Amino acid sequence: MGHFTNTQGGARTGCTVVIAKKGAIGGVDVRGSAPATRETDLLRPGNLVQKVHAVLLTGGSAFGLDAASGVMAFLEKKHIGFETGFAKVPIVVGAALYDLGVGDPKIRPDFSAGMAACEDAFRPGPFAHPSTQVGAGTGATVGKLLGPLQAEKSGIGFAQAKASGATIAALVAVNAYGDVYDKQGNIVRGCTEDGARVNMVQALAEGGSEEGGFPVNTTIGVIMTDAILTKEQAYKLAAMGHDGLARAIRPVHTMNDGDALFTLATGAIAASLGSLIAVVPGVVEDAILDAVSRD
């Protein structure tokens, strides 16, 4: 995986790419009501293409999906893609979050940004992002009941665990409308007013309105595993990952979010689907908490 981060000239945006060089069984579950996605239909069970070669997570709202063209061009040069007989077509799925109200709204991830994220992914050495404000998390914020100025910064987080001998990991860019809670039920990042945190669920329950807040947000991520899965099982894993969103973000899956989680399964290890389903909500929850725990 690799990041492209743009903080130059008033920008505060970026994109992140997860590449499966040999392809990986893909799945997706979109729960938010304001999604900006690419190629999610091909991930439906029963459709022809079985393997995905990259997942793009990007800022820039729907404009940022242009970065997928750069990802495709990079992978084509690497001879990675679905063989059609005349050309290898890289299968690139993705989702965008809305960060146009944070930095310069005219600066968004584009073709060159997608290429740069892929170049970063192919650099030697282990994956690491010492700051959460990189890639798709560069302009991420949370807690937007009172608008962007009362929101707190977030980012992109990572977590992993073992389940039935397989590894399961989650990479999540947290740009939620709601507040983020820790495992003890405390708000750790969210909406503020006069220096104090506002409990958004309570405020909405008492008659607060979404209309004064930030209308477009979105938490997007990729669940990765080396387990052997079918497309149906990959979808199920993505669906169960949303339980992790519900644990950590309140409110979640609102009319103002485009929440989407992808699954990539490389198919190296036979593992119990039940164990993966049991573990994945906690891994997604931990990735969300990682996104708000480090600057």
Protein backbone atom coordinates (compact mmCIF):
# COMPACT_ATOMS: atom_id res chain seq x y z
CA MET A 1 0.00 0.00 0.00
CA GLY A 2 1.08 3.55 -0.61
CA HIS A 3 0.06 7.15 -0.01
CA PHE A 4 0.07 10.43 -1.90
CA THR A 5 -0.22 13.48 0.37
CA ASN A 6 -0.75 17.06 -0.82
CA THR A 7 -0.39 19.91 1.69
CA GLN A 8 1.12 22.43 -0.70
CA GLY A 9 -0.46 25.74 -1.71
CA GLY A 10 -3.43 25.51 0.62
CA ALA A 11 -4.17 21.89 -0.23
CA ARG A 12 -5.08 19.32 2.39
CA THR A 13 -5.95 16.15 0.58
CA GLY A 14 -4.49 12.92 -0.75
CA CYS A 15 -5.11 9.34 -1.74
CA THR A 16 -4.12 5.85 -0.64
CA VAL A 17 -3.85 2.72 -2.75
CA VAL A 18 -3.76 -0.94 -1.72
CA ILE A 19 -2.33 -3.12 -4.50
CA ALA A 20 -2.74 -6.87 -4.98
CA LYS A 21 -0.12 -7.70 -7.61
CA LYS A 22 -1.53 -11.15 -8.31
CA GLY A 23 -5.11 -10.10 -7.75
CA ALA A 24 -7.29 -10.75 -4.72
CA ILE A 25 -10.89 -11.80 -4.29
CA GLY A 26 -12.84 -8.62 -3.64
CA GLY A 27 -15.96 -7.63 -1.78
CA VAL A 28 -17.64 -4.38 -0.78
CA ASP A 29 -20.46 -3.16 1.43
CA VAL A 30 -21.67 0.45 1.17
CA ARG A 31 -23.80 1.60 4.11
CA GLY A 32 -23.71 5.40 3.97
CA SER A 33 -26.36 7.31 2.04
CA ALA A 34 -24.01 9.67 0.18
CA PRO A 35 -21.38 7.41 -1.44
CA ALA A 36 -18.82 8.28 -4.09
CA THR A 37 -17.56 4.94 -5.41
CA ARG A 38 -16.00 3.27 -8.44
CA GLU A 39 -16.57 -0.22 -9.92
CA THR A 40 -18.49 -1.58 -6.94
CA ASP A 41 -20.98 -3.44 -9.16
CA LEU A 42 -18.32 -5.84 -10.46
CA LEU A 43 -17.75 -7.03 -6.89
CA ARG A 44 -21.26 -8.45 -6.69
CA PRO A 45 -21.34 -12.25 -6.53
CA GLY A 46 -22.30 -13.68 -9.91
CA ASN A 47 -20.45 -11.10 -11.99
CA LEU A 48 -17.57 -12.14 -14.25
CA VAL A 49 -14.49 -10.58 -12.66
CA GLN A 50 -13.32 -12.45 -9.56
CA LYS A 51 -10.12 -10.64 -8.61
CA VAL A 52 -9.29 -7.03 -7.85
CA HIS A 53 -5.82 -5.55 -8.44
CA ALA A 54 -6.13 -2.34 -6.41
CA VAL A 55 -8.39 -0.44 -4.05
CA LEU A 56 -8.21 3.36 -4.12
CA LEU A 57 -9.19 5.42 -1.09
CA THR A 58 -9.17 9.09 -1.98
CA GLY A 59 -10.04 12.57 -0.84
CA GLY A 60 -11.48 15.18 -3.15
CA SER A 61 -15.05 13.86 -3.17
CA ALA A 62 -16.14 12.43 -6.54
CA PHE A 63 -13.44 14.52 -8.24
CA GLY A 64 -10.81 12.43 -6.45
CA LEU A 65 -11.91 9.25 -8.20
CA ASP A 66 -9.90 10.58 -11.17
CA ALA A 67 -6.84 9.24 -9.31
CA ALA A 68 -7.99 5.73 -10.26
CA SER A 69 -6.94 6.44 -13.86
CA GLY A 70 -3.40 6.97 -12.60
CA VAL A 71 -3.56 3.70 -10.67
CA MET A 72 -4.72 1.87 -13.81
CA ALA A 73 -1.93 3.39 -15.91
CA PHE A 74 0.70 2.43 -13.34
CA LEU A 75 -0.53 -1.15 -13.07
CA GLU A 76 -0.72 -1.50 -16.84
CA LYS A 77 2.96 -0.57 -17.06
CA LYS A 78 3.64 -3.31 -14.50
CA HIS A 79 1.64 -5.81 -16.61
CA ILE A 80 -0.88 -6.26 -13.83
CA GLY A 81 -4.51 -6.76 -14.78
CA PHE A 82 -7.37 -8.94 -15.98
CA GLU A 83 -6.38 -10.73 -19.18
CA THR A 84 -8.83 -9.97 -22.01
CA GLY A 85 -6.80 -11.42 -24.87
CA PHE A 86 -5.88 -8.03 -26.30
CA ALA A 87 -4.75 -6.21 -23.16
CA LYS A 88 -4.48 -6.65 -19.44
CA VAL A 89 -7.09 -4.44 -17.81
CA PRO A 90 -6.28 -3.55 -14.17
CA ILE A 91 -9.35 -3.90 -11.97
CA VAL A 92 -9.33 -0.84 -9.71
CA VAL A 93 -12.19 -0.25 -7.29
CA GLY A 94 -12.42 2.69 -4.96
CA ALA A 95 -14.26 5.20 -2.84
CA ALA A 96 -13.87 8.89 -2.08
CA LEU A 97 -14.40 10.97 1.02
CA TYR A 98 -15.32 14.65 1.15
CA ASP A 99 -12.49 16.94 2.27
CA LEU A 100 -13.18 19.92 -0.03
CA GLY A 101 -14.15 22.11 2.93
CA VAL A 102 -10.82 21.60 4.73
CA GLY A 103 -8.19 22.76 2.23
CA ASP A 104 -8.34 24.41 -1.17
CA PRO A 105 -11.43 22.82 -2.82
CA LYS A 106 -9.88 23.26 -6.27
CA ILE A 107 -6.95 20.96 -5.41
CA ARG A 108 -7.94 17.30 -5.51
CA PRO A 109 -6.25 13.95 -6.14
CA ASP A 110 -5.88 13.35 -9.87
CA PHE A 111 -4.15 11.06 -12.38
CA SER A 112 -0.67 12.02 -11.15
CA ALA A 113 -1.72 11.53 -7.52
CA GLY A 114 -2.83 7.97 -8.28
CA MET A 115 0.48 7.28 -10.00
CA ALA A 116 2.42 8.71 -7.06
CA ALA A 117 0.51 6.58 -4.52
CA CYS A 118 1.35 3.47 -6.56
CA GLU A 119 5.02 4.44 -6.72
CA ASP A 120 4.98 4.77 -2.94
CA ALA A 121 3.37 1.34 -2.65
CA PHE A 122 6.14 -0.23 -4.75
CA ARG A 123 8.98 1.29 -2.71
CA PRO A 124 11.02 -1.35 -0.85
CA GLY A 125 10.60 -1.77 2.87
CA PRO A 126 7.73 -2.46 5.28
CA PHE A 127 4.50 -0.49 5.22
CA ALA A 128 4.33 2.37 7.71
CA HIS A 129 2.59 5.70 8.13
CA PRO A 130 4.04 7.52 11.16
CA SER A 131 1.35 10.20 10.90
CA THR A 132 -2.35 9.55 10.35
CA GLN A 133 -2.66 12.76 8.32
CA VAL A 134 -1.41 11.14 5.12
CA GLY A 135 -3.00 9.84 1.94
CA ALA A 136 -6.77 9.65 2.07
CA GLY A 137 -6.65 10.76 5.71
CA THR A 138 -4.89 14.07 5.03
CA GLY A 139 -8.01 16.22 5.24
CA ALA A 140 -10.14 13.92 7.38
CA THR A 141 -12.14 15.35 10.28
CA VAL A 142 -14.89 14.07 12.58
CA GLY A 143 -17.78 15.53 14.59
CA LYS A 144 -19.49 17.92 12.19
CA LEU A 145 -22.87 18.67 13.76
CA LEU A 146 -21.93 22.35 14.05
CA GLY A 147 -19.94 22.55 10.83
CA PRO A 148 -16.29 22.08 9.85
CA LEU A 149 -14.89 24.74 12.19
CA GLN A 150 -16.16 22.82 15.24
CA ALA A 151 -14.90 19.46 13.96
CA GLU A 152 -11.65 17.84 15.12
CA LYS A 153 -9.01 16.37 12.84
CA SER A 154 -8.83 12.67 12.21
CA GLY A 155 -6.83 10.65 9.68
CA ILE A 156 -6.18 7.16 8.38
CA GLY A 157 -5.59 4.27 10.75
CA PHE A 158 -4.38 0.68 10.61
CA ALA A 159 -4.85 -2.41 12.78
CA GLN A 160 -4.46 -6.16 12.41
CA ALA A 161 -5.10 -9.43 14.25
CA LYS A 162 -4.99 -13.20 13.80
CA ALA A 163 -8.04 -15.40 13.25
CA SER A 164 -7.94 -19.16 12.70
CA GLY A 165 -4.31 -18.92 11.55
CA ALA A 166 -5.02 -16.17 9.03
CA THR A 167 -4.10 -12.50 9.28
CA ILE A 168 -6.85 -9.91 9.05
CA ALA A 169 -6.09 -6.20 8.82
CA ALA A 170 -8.00 -2.98 8.27
CA LEU A 171 -6.96 0.36 6.81
CA VAL A 172 -9.60 3.04 7.43
CA ALA A 173 -9.78 6.73 6.49
CA VAL A 174 -12.05 8.27 9.11
CA ASN A 175 -13.92 11.34 7.88
CA ALA A 176 -17.14 10.75 9.78
CA TYR A 177 -20.06 13.05 10.43
CA GLY A 178 -20.30 11.57 13.93
CA ASP A 179 -18.06 11.48 16.99
CA VAL A 180 -15.43 8.78 17.61
CA TYR A 181 -15.72 6.78 20.86
CA ASP A 182 -13.17 4.63 22.66
CA LYS A 183 -13.93 1.16 24.01
CA GLN A 184 -14.98 2.60 27.37
CA GLY A 185 -17.69 4.70 25.73
CA ASN A 186 -15.86 8.02 25.93
CA ILE A 187 -15.75 10.52 23.06
CA VAL A 188 -12.10 10.79 22.02
CA ARG A 189 -12.51 13.00 18.95
CA GLY A 190 -15.55 14.85 17.66
CA CYS A 191 -17.68 17.97 17.68
CA THR A 192 -16.64 20.88 19.89
CA GLU A 193 -18.23 24.12 21.05
CA ASP A 194 -16.45 26.75 23.15
CA GLY A 195 -13.61 24.31 23.79
CA ALA A 196 -15.85 21.51 25.08
CA ARG A 197 -17.01 18.39 23.25
CA VAL A 198 -20.62 18.12 22.18
CA ASN A 199 -22.26 14.69 22.33
CA MET A 200 -23.79 14.58 18.86
CA VAL A 201 -26.17 11.70 19.54
CA GLN A 202 -27.56 13.48 22.58
CA ALA A 203 -27.78 16.81 20.76
CA LEU A 204 -29.66 15.23 17.85
CA ALA A 205 -31.95 13.32 20.20
CA GLU A 206 -32.84 16.58 21.92
CA GLY A 207 -33.93 18.15 18.66
CA GLY A 208 -30.67 19.23 17.05
CA SER A 209 -30.67 19.44 13.28
CA GLU A 210 -28.24 17.99 10.74
CA GLU A 211 -28.95 20.95 8.46
CA GLY A 212 -26.44 23.23 10.15
CA GLY A 213 -23.62 20.71 9.96
CA PHE A 214 -21.27 19.53 7.27
CA PRO A 215 -23.43 17.84 4.61
CA VAL A 216 -20.92 15.37 3.17
CA ASN A 217 -18.39 13.25 5.04
CA THR A 218 -17.67 9.49 4.73
CA THR A 219 -15.54 6.78 6.35
CA ILE A 220 -13.90 4.44 3.83
CA GLY A 221 -11.55 1.51 4.24
CA VAL A 222 -10.10 -1.80 3.15
CA ILE A 223 -10.22 -5.08 5.07
CA MET A 224 -7.30 -7.30 4.02
CA THR A 225 -6.75 -10.97 4.72
CA ASP A 226 -4.62 -13.85 3.48
CA ALA A 227 -7.55 -16.24 4.02
CA ILE A 228 -9.20 -18.18 1.20
CA LEU A 229 -12.59 -16.56 0.52
CA THR A 230 -15.26 -16.59 -2.17
CA LYS A 231 -16.80 -13.34 -3.42
CA GLU A 232 -19.84 -14.02 -1.24
CA GLN A 233 -17.62 -14.49 1.82
CA ALA A 234 -15.60 -11.37 0.97
CA TYR A 235 -18.84 -9.39 0.90
CA LYS A 236 -19.85 -10.87 4.26
CA LEU A 237 -16.53 -9.83 5.79
CA ALA A 238 -16.98 -6.27 4.52
CA ALA A 239 -20.52 -6.23 5.91
CA MET A 240 -19.37 -7.40 9.34
CA GLY A 241 -16.63 -4.78 9.28
CA HIS A 242 -19.35 -2.15 9.48
CA ASP A 243 -20.08 -3.38 12.99
CA GLY A 244 -16.68 -1.91 13.85
CA LEU A 245 -17.79 1.44 12.43
CA ALA A 246 -20.93 1.29 14.56
CA ARG A 247 -18.87 0.54 17.68
CA ALA A 248 -16.53 3.49 17.21
CA ILE A 249 -18.58 6.15 15.40
CA ARG A 250 -21.87 7.65 16.60
CA PRO A 251 -24.02 8.44 14.74
CA VAL A 252 -22.85 6.36 11.78
CA HIS A 253 -24.17 5.52 8.27
CA THR A 254 -26.11 8.79 8.22
CA MET A 255 -27.66 10.58 5.26
CA ASN A 256 -24.50 12.73 5.32
CA ASP A 257 -22.03 9.81 5.11
CA GLY A 258 -20.97 7.57 2.23
CA ASP A 259 -19.46 4.85 4.42
CA ALA A 260 -17.95 2.00 2.40
CA LEU A 261 -15.69 -0.93 3.27
CA PHE A 262 -13.90 -3.16 0.76
CA THR A 263 -12.43 -6.63 1.28
CA LEU A 264 -9.32 -8.07 -0.38
CA ALA A 265 -8.57 -11.77 0.17
CA THR A 266 -5.32 -13.16 -1.27
CA GLY A 267 -6.33 -16.79 -0.73
CA ALA A 268 -3.18 -18.20 0.87
CA ILE A 269 -4.54 -19.78 4.06
CA ALA A 270 -7.61 -21.92 4.78
CA ALA A 271 -9.38 -20.26 7.70
CA SER A 272 -12.73 -20.44 9.42
CA LEU A 273 -15.11 -17.79 8.09
CA GLY A 274 -16.76 -17.73 11.48
CA SER A 275 -13.52 -16.74 13.17
CA LEU A 276 -12.89 -13.98 10.63
CA ILE A 277 -16.41 -12.63 11.12
CA ALA A 278 -15.90 -12.66 14.89
CA VAL A 279 -12.63 -10.75 14.73
CA VAL A 280 -13.18 -8.21 11.95
CA PRO A 281 -15.39 -5.71 13.87
CA GLY A 282 -12.70 -5.28 16.51
CA VAL A 283 -9.98 -4.84 13.89
CA VAL A 284 -11.98 -2.12 12.11
CA GLU A 285 -12.73 -0.46 15.46
CA ASP A 286 -9.03 -0.49 16.34
CA ALA A 287 -8.12 1.04 12.96
CA ILE A 288 -10.59 3.86 13.56
CA LEU A 289 -9.16 4.52 17.01
CA ASP A 290 -5.65 4.45 15.53
CA ALA A 291 -6.74 7.14 13.06
CA VAL A 292 -7.60 9.54 15.88
CA SER A 293 -4.93 8.57 18.41
CA ARG A 294 -1.86 9.85 16.59
CA ASP A 295 -1.18 13.22 14.93
